[in-house]
């Protein structure tokens, strides 16, 4: 198809109850349309950065989460 283009979006979802129960830590960071993913088991490998047309942060931060 001539002139066709694809737009790609990514969304970081909130932790589910299983992840919350395990005190999971987020390995994703977003700034603008860049998404950075780190592997805590391989910190020497460094983070991988990807750029998307649209990036949506829906994850709650630990500062907004209750620590009861």
PDB file of N, CA and C in Angstrom:
ATOM      1  N   UNK A   1       0.839  -1.183   0.000  1.00  0.00           N
ATOM      2  CA  UNK A   1       0.000   0.000   0.000  1.00  0.00           C
ATOM      3  C   UNK A   1       0.879   1.240   0.000  1.00  0.00           C
ATOM      4  N   UNK A   2       0.780   1.995  -1.014  1.00  0.00           N
ATOM      5  CA  UNK A   2       1.557   3.224  -1.103  1.00  0.00           C
ATOM      6  C   UNK A   2       1.020   4.259  -0.120  1.00  0.00           C
ATOM      7  N   UNK A   3       1.925   4.904   0.598  1.00  0.00           N
ATOM      8  CA  UNK A   3       1.524   5.964   1.525  1.00  0.00           C
ATOM      9  C   UNK A   3       0.957   5.474   2.843  1.00  0.00           C
ATOM     10  N   UNK A   4       0.887   4.163   3.066  1.00  0.00           N
ATOM     11  CA  UNK A   4       0.345   3.641   4.321  1.00  0.00           C
ATOM     12  C   UNK A   4       1.387   3.779   5.423  1.00  0.00           C
ATOM     13  N   UNK A   5       0.922   4.067   6.616  1.00  0.00           N
ATOM     14  CA  UNK A   5       1.843   4.141   7.747  1.00  0.00           C
ATOM     15  C   UNK A   5       1.201   3.492   8.968  1.00  0.00           C
ATOM     16  N   UNK A   6       2.041   3.069   9.856  1.00  0.00           N
ATOM     17  CA  UNK A   6       1.586   2.416  11.077  1.00  0.00           C
ATOM     18  C   UNK A   6       2.033   3.255  12.257  1.00  0.00           C
ATOM     19  N   UNK A   7       1.138   3.508  13.181  1.00  0.00           N
ATOM     20  CA  UNK A   7       1.463   4.199  14.433  1.00  0.00           C
ATOM     21  C   UNK A   7       1.497   3.149  15.533  1.00  0.00           C
ATOM     22  N   UNK A   8       2.480   3.236  16.397  1.00  0.00           N
ATOM     23  CA  UNK A   8       2.635   2.258  17.467  1.00  0.00           C
ATOM     24  C   UNK A   8       2.545   2.962  18.816  1.00  0.00           C
ATOM     25  N   UNK A   9       1.731   2.387  19.698  1.00  0.00           N
ATOM     26  CA  UNK A   9       1.564   2.931  21.046  1.00  0.00           C
ATOM     27  C   UNK A   9       1.939   1.861  22.065  1.00  0.00           C
ATOM     28  N   UNK A  10       2.437   2.307  23.213  1.00  0.00           N
ATOM     29  CA  UNK A  10       2.762   1.405  24.311  1.00  0.00           C
ATOM     30  C   UNK A  10       2.158   1.980  25.584  1.00  0.00           C
ATOM     31  N   UNK A  11       1.702   1.079  26.461  1.00  0.00           N
ATOM     32  CA  UNK A  11       1.106   1.510  27.726  1.00  0.00           C
ATOM     33  C   UNK A  11       1.702   0.670  28.845  1.00  0.00           C
ATOM     34  N   UNK A  12       2.122   1.325  29.906  1.00  0.00           N
ATOM     35  CA  UNK A  12       2.573   0.624  31.099  1.00  0.00           C
ATOM     36  C   UNK A  12       1.366   0.513  32.015  1.00  0.00           C
ATOM     37  N   UNK A  13       0.920  -0.708  32.235  1.00  0.00           N
ATOM     38  CA  UNK A  13      -0.270  -0.947  33.033  1.00  0.00           C
ATOM     39  C   UNK A  13       0.072  -0.969  34.520  1.00  0.00           C
ATOM     40  N   UNK A  14      -0.912  -0.772  35.366  1.00  0.00           N
ATOM     41  CA  UNK A  14      -0.678  -0.897  36.808  1.00  0.00           C
ATOM     42  C   UNK A  14      -0.356  -2.345  37.170  1.00  0.00           C
ATOM     43  N   UNK A  15       0.326  -2.539  38.298  1.00  0.00           N
ATOM     44  CA  UNK A  15       0.571  -3.897  38.776  1.00  0.00           C
ATOM     45  C   UNK A  15      -0.746  -4.577  39.089  1.00  0.00           C
ATOM     46  N   UNK A  16      -0.816  -5.883  38.831  1.00  0.00           N
ATOM     47  CA  UNK A  16      -1.999  -6.650  39.217  1.00  0.00           C
ATOM     48  C   UNK A  16      -1.824  -7.120  40.668  1.00  0.00           C
ATOM     49  N   UNK A  17      -2.819  -7.772  41.222  1.00  0.00           N
ATOM     50  CA  UNK A  17      -2.783  -8.147  42.642  1.00  0.00           C
ATOM     51  C   UNK A  17      -1.631  -9.110  42.948  1.00  0.00           C
ATOM     52  N   UNK A  18      -1.312  -9.987  42.037  1.00  0.00           N
ATOM     53  CA  UNK A  18      -0.196 -10.921  42.246  1.00  0.00           C
ATOM     54  C   UNK A  18       1.123 -10.164  42.346  1.00  0.00           C
ATOM     55  N   UNK A  19       1.327  -9.214  41.441  1.00  0.00           N
ATOM     56  CA  UNK A  19       2.551  -8.418  41.458  1.00  0.00           C
ATOM     57  C   UNK A  19       2.633  -7.556  42.721  1.00  0.00           C
ATOM     58  N   UNK A  20       1.506  -6.984  43.117  1.00  0.00           N
ATOM     59  CA  UNK A  20       1.479  -6.202  44.348  1.00  0.00           C
ATOM     60  C   UNK A  20       1.802  -7.069  45.557  1.00  0.00           C
ATOM     61  N   UNK A  21       1.252  -8.277  45.594  1.00  0.00           N
ATOM     62  CA  UNK A  21       1.504  -9.199  46.686  1.00  0.00           C
ATOM     63  C   UNK A  21       2.960  -9.626  46.793  1.00  0.00           C
ATOM     64  N   UNK A  22       3.657  -9.593  45.692  1.00  0.00           N
ATOM     65  CA  UNK A  22       5.081  -9.963  45.674  1.00  0.00           C
ATOM     66  C   UNK A  22       5.988  -8.746  45.830  1.00  0.00           C
ATOM     67  N   UNK A  23       5.396  -7.580  46.070  1.00  0.00           N
ATOM     68  CA  UNK A  23       6.160  -6.330  46.179  1.00  0.00           C
ATOM     69  C   UNK A  23       7.059  -6.115  44.965  1.00  0.00           C
ATOM     70  N   UNK A  24       6.489  -6.337  43.790  1.00  0.00           N
ATOM     71  CA  UNK A  24       7.233  -6.195  42.547  1.00  0.00           C
ATOM     72  C   UNK A  24       7.713  -4.758  42.362  1.00  0.00           C
ATOM     73  N   UNK A  25       8.824  -4.619  41.699  1.00  0.00           N
ATOM     74  CA  UNK A  25       9.390  -3.304  41.375  1.00  0.00           C
ATOM     75  C   UNK A  25       9.285  -3.094  39.869  1.00  0.00           C
ATOM     76  N   UNK A  26       8.967  -1.894  39.474  1.00  0.00           N
ATOM     77  CA  UNK A  26       8.861  -1.572  38.059  1.00  0.00           C
ATOM     78  C   UNK A  26      10.248  -1.532  37.417  1.00  0.00           C
ATOM     79  N   UNK A  27      10.364  -2.093  36.231  1.00  0.00           N
ATOM     80  CA  UNK A  27      11.615  -2.075  35.482  1.00  0.00           C
ATOM     81  C   UNK A  27      11.495  -1.171  34.258  1.00  0.00           C
ATOM     82  N   UNK A  28      10.397  -0.412  34.209  1.00  0.00           N
ATOM     83  CA  UNK A  28      10.099   0.458  33.076  1.00  0.00           C
ATOM     84  C   UNK A  28      10.198   1.913  33.508  1.00  0.00           C
ATOM     85  N   UNK A  29      10.779   2.737  32.649  1.00  0.00           N
ATOM     86  CA  UNK A  29      10.772   4.180  32.826  1.00  0.00           C
ATOM     87  C   UNK A  29      10.357   4.792  31.496  1.00  0.00           C
ATOM     88  N   UNK A  30       9.583   5.856  31.561  1.00  0.00           N
ATOM     89  CA  UNK A  30       9.168   6.541  30.336  1.00  0.00           C
ATOM     90  C   UNK A  30       9.492   8.020  30.438  1.00  0.00           C
ATOM     91  N   UNK A  31       9.915   8.565  29.318  1.00  0.00           N
ATOM     92  CA  UNK A  31      10.097  10.001  29.202  1.00  0.00           C
ATOM     93  C   UNK A  31       9.701  10.371  27.785  1.00  0.00           C
ATOM     94  N   UNK A  32       8.610  11.120  27.684  1.00  0.00           N
ATOM     95  CA  UNK A  32       8.089  11.427  26.361  1.00  0.00           C
ATOM     96  C   UNK A  32       7.673  10.148  25.665  1.00  0.00           C
ATOM     97  N   UNK A  33       8.168   9.953  24.462  1.00  0.00           N
ATOM     98  CA  UNK A  33       7.839   8.749  23.702  1.00  0.00           C
ATOM     99  C   UNK A  33       8.903   7.667  23.815  1.00  0.00           C
ATOM    100  N   UNK A  34       9.880   7.875  24.689  1.00  0.00           N
ATOM    101  CA  UNK A  34      10.929   6.877  24.905  1.00  0.00           C
ATOM    102  C   UNK A  34      10.596   6.011  26.101  1.00  0.00           C
ATOM    103  N   UNK A  35      10.781   4.718  25.947  1.00  0.00           N
ATOM    104  CA  UNK A  35      10.548   3.748  27.012  1.00  0.00           C
ATOM    105  C   UNK A  35      11.847   3.013  27.267  1.00  0.00           C
ATOM    106  N   UNK A  36      12.257   3.008  28.527  1.00  0.00           N
ATOM    107  CA  UNK A  36      13.514   2.398  28.928  1.00  0.00           C
ATOM    108  C   UNK A  36      13.201   1.191  29.811  1.00  0.00           C
ATOM    109  N   UNK A  37      13.758   0.031  29.460  1.00  0.00           N
ATOM    110  CA  UNK A  37      13.513  -1.209  30.193  1.00  0.00           C
ATOM    111  C   UNK A  37      14.845  -1.721  30.723  1.00  0.00           C
ATOM    112  N   UNK A  38      14.891  -1.974  32.035  1.00  0.00           N
ATOM    113  CA  UNK A  38      16.116  -2.510  32.631  1.00  0.00           C
ATOM    114  C   UNK A  38      15.848  -3.903  33.180  1.00  0.00           C
ATOM    115  N   UNK A  39      16.890  -4.718  33.208  1.00  0.00           N
ATOM    116  CA  UNK A  39      16.801  -6.064  33.741  1.00  0.00           C
ATOM    117  C   UNK A  39      17.559  -6.090  35.064  1.00  0.00           C
ATOM    118  N   UNK A  40      16.855  -6.136  36.197  1.00  0.00           N
ATOM    119  CA  UNK A  40      17.546  -6.095  37.485  1.00  0.00           C
ATOM    120  C   UNK A  40      18.454  -7.302  37.718  1.00  0.00           C
ATOM    121  N   UNK A  41      18.239  -8.383  36.996  1.00  0.00           N
ATOM    122  CA  UNK A  41      19.093  -9.566  37.138  1.00  0.00           C
ATOM    123  C   UNK A  41      20.386  -9.432  36.343  1.00  0.00           C
ATOM    124  N   UNK A  42      20.427  -8.504  35.410  1.00  0.00           N
ATOM    125  CA  UNK A  42      21.610  -8.268  34.578  1.00  0.00           C
ATOM    126  C   UNK A  42      21.919  -6.774  34.503  1.00  0.00           C
ATOM    127  N   UNK A  43      22.174  -6.107  35.627  1.00  0.00           N
ATOM    128  CA  UNK A  43      22.371  -4.651  35.600  1.00  0.00           C
ATOM    129  C   UNK A  43      23.554  -4.212  34.735  1.00  0.00           C
ATOM    130  N   UNK A  44      24.559  -5.073  34.580  1.00  0.00           N
ATOM    131  CA  UNK A  44      25.727  -4.704  33.772  1.00  0.00           C
ATOM    132  C   UNK A  44      25.392  -4.584  32.288  1.00  0.00           C
ATOM    133  N   UNK A  45      24.302  -5.217  31.868  1.00  0.00           N
ATOM    134  CA  UNK A  45      23.896  -5.136  30.461  1.00  0.00           C
ATOM    135  C   UNK A  45      23.338  -3.768  30.098  1.00  0.00           C
ATOM    136  N   UNK A  46      22.959  -2.990  31.092  1.00  0.00           N
ATOM    137  CA  UNK A  46      22.386  -1.677  30.824  1.00  0.00           C
ATOM    138  C   UNK A  46      20.942  -1.777  30.371  1.00  0.00           C
ATOM    139  N   UNK A  47      20.294  -0.662  30.343  1.00  0.00           N
ATOM    140  CA  UNK A  47      18.886  -0.596  29.964  1.00  0.00           C
ATOM    141  C   UNK A  47      18.745  -0.550  28.445  1.00  0.00           C
ATOM    142  N   UNK A  48      17.623  -1.015  27.970  1.00  0.00           N
ATOM    143  CA  UNK A  48      17.279  -0.943  26.547  1.00  0.00           C
ATOM    144  C   UNK A  48      16.257   0.168  26.372  1.00  0.00           C
ATOM    145  N   UNK A  49      16.450   1.008  25.386  1.00  0.00           N
ATOM    146  CA  UNK A  49      15.550   2.127  25.150  1.00  0.00           C
ATOM    147  C   UNK A  49      14.866   1.963  23.797  1.00  0.00           C
ATOM    148  N   UNK A  50      13.564   2.196  23.790  1.00  0.00           N
ATOM    149  CA  UNK A  50      12.744   2.090  22.584  1.00  0.00           C
ATOM    150  C   UNK A  50      11.934   3.365  22.430  1.00  0.00           C
ATOM    151  N   UNK A  51      11.651   3.745  21.215  1.00  0.00           N
ATOM    152  CA  UNK A  51      10.838   4.932  20.945  1.00  0.00           C
ATOM    153  C   UNK A  51       9.580   4.511  20.200  1.00  0.00           C
ATOM    154  N   UNK A  52       8.438   5.009  20.671  1.00  0.00           N
ATOM    155  CA  UNK A  52       7.139   4.697  20.083  1.00  0.00           C
ATOM    156  C   UNK A  52       6.455   5.996  19.673  1.00  0.00           C
ATOM    157  N   UNK A  53       5.438   5.879  18.851  1.00  0.00           N
ATOM    158  CA  UNK A  53       4.681   7.068  18.460  1.00  0.00           C
ATOM    159  C   UNK A  53       3.916   7.657  19.642  1.00  0.00           C
ATOM    160  N   UNK A  54       3.402   6.786  20.489  1.00  0.00           N
ATOM    161  CA  UNK A  54       2.641   7.217  21.663  1.00  0.00           C
ATOM    162  C   UNK A  54       3.041   6.355  22.854  1.00  0.00           C
ATOM    163  N   UNK A  55       3.203   6.972  24.007  1.00  0.00           N
ATOM    164  CA  UNK A  55       3.535   6.256  25.230  1.00  0.00           C
ATOM    165  C   UNK A  55       2.575   6.693  26.327  1.00  0.00           C
ATOM    166  N   UNK A  56       1.992   5.736  27.018  1.00  0.00           N
ATOM    167  CA  UNK A  56       1.014   6.028  28.070  1.00  0.00           C
ATOM    168  C   UNK A  56       1.440   5.370  29.368  1.00  0.00           C
ATOM    169  N   UNK A  57       1.534   6.148  30.421  1.00  0.00           N
ATOM    170  CA  UNK A  57       1.917   5.671  31.743  1.00  0.00           C
ATOM    171  C   UNK A  57       0.654   5.518  32.572  1.00  0.00           C
ATOM    172  N   UNK A  58       0.248   4.294  32.858  1.00  0.00           N
ATOM    173  CA  UNK A  58      -0.939   4.028  33.669  1.00  0.00           C
ATOM    174  C   UNK A  58      -0.570   3.374  34.986  1.00  0.00           C
ATOM    175  N   UNK A  59       0.705   3.209  35.222  1.00  0.00           N
ATOM    176  CA  UNK A  59       1.217   2.525  36.415  1.00  0.00           C
ATOM    177  C   UNK A  59       1.171   3.485  37.610  1.00  0.00           C
ATOM    178  N   UNK A  60       0.770   2.971  38.750  1.00  0.00           N
ATOM    179  CA  UNK A  60       0.835   3.795  39.958  1.00  0.00           C
ATOM    180  C   UNK A  60       2.247   3.715  40.524  1.00  0.00           C
ATOM    181  N   UNK A  61       2.708   4.790  41.094  1.00  0.00           N
ATOM    182  CA  UNK A  61       4.049   4.789  41.656  1.00  0.00           C
ATOM    183  C   UNK A  61       4.017   4.284  43.088  1.00  0.00           C
ATOM    184  N   UNK A  62       5.163   3.880  43.596  1.00  0.00           N
ATOM    185  CA  UNK A  62       5.218   3.360  44.960  1.00  0.00           C
ATOM    186  C   UNK A  62       4.874   4.448  45.965  1.00  0.00           C
ATOM    187  N   UNK A  63       5.118   5.703  45.620  1.00  0.00           N
ATOM    188  CA  UNK A  63       4.802   6.777  46.562  1.00  0.00           C
ATOM    189  C   UNK A  63       3.297   6.974  46.715  1.00  0.00           C
ATOM    190  N   UNK A  64       2.521   6.560  45.711  1.00  0.00           N
ATOM    191  CA  UNK A  64       1.074   6.714  45.820  1.00  0.00           C
ATOM    192  C   UNK A  64       0.400   5.450  46.342  1.00  0.00           C
ATOM    193  N   UNK A  65       1.197   4.398  46.533  1.00  0.00           N
ATOM    194  CA  UNK A  65       0.663   3.131  47.016  1.00  0.00           C
ATOM    195  C   UNK A  65       0.705   3.083  48.524  1.00  0.00           C
ATOM    196  N   UNK A  66      -0.304   2.509  49.125  1.00  0.00           N
ATOM    197  CA  UNK A  66      -0.347   2.340  50.573  1.00  0.00           C
ATOM    198  C   UNK A  66       0.599   1.237  50.989  1.00  0.00           C
ATOM    199  N   UNK A  67       1.328   1.439  52.076  1.00  0.00           N
ATOM    200  CA  UNK A  67       2.245   0.426  52.615  1.00  0.00           C
ATOM    201  C   UNK A  67       1.689  -0.114  53.914  1.00  0.00           C
ATOM    202  N   UNK A  68       0.514  -0.647  53.907  1.00  0.00           N
ATOM    203  CA  UNK A  68      -0.104  -1.149  55.133  1.00  0.00           C
ATOM    204  C   UNK A  68       0.363  -2.527  55.468  1.00  0.00           C
TER     205      UNK A  68
END
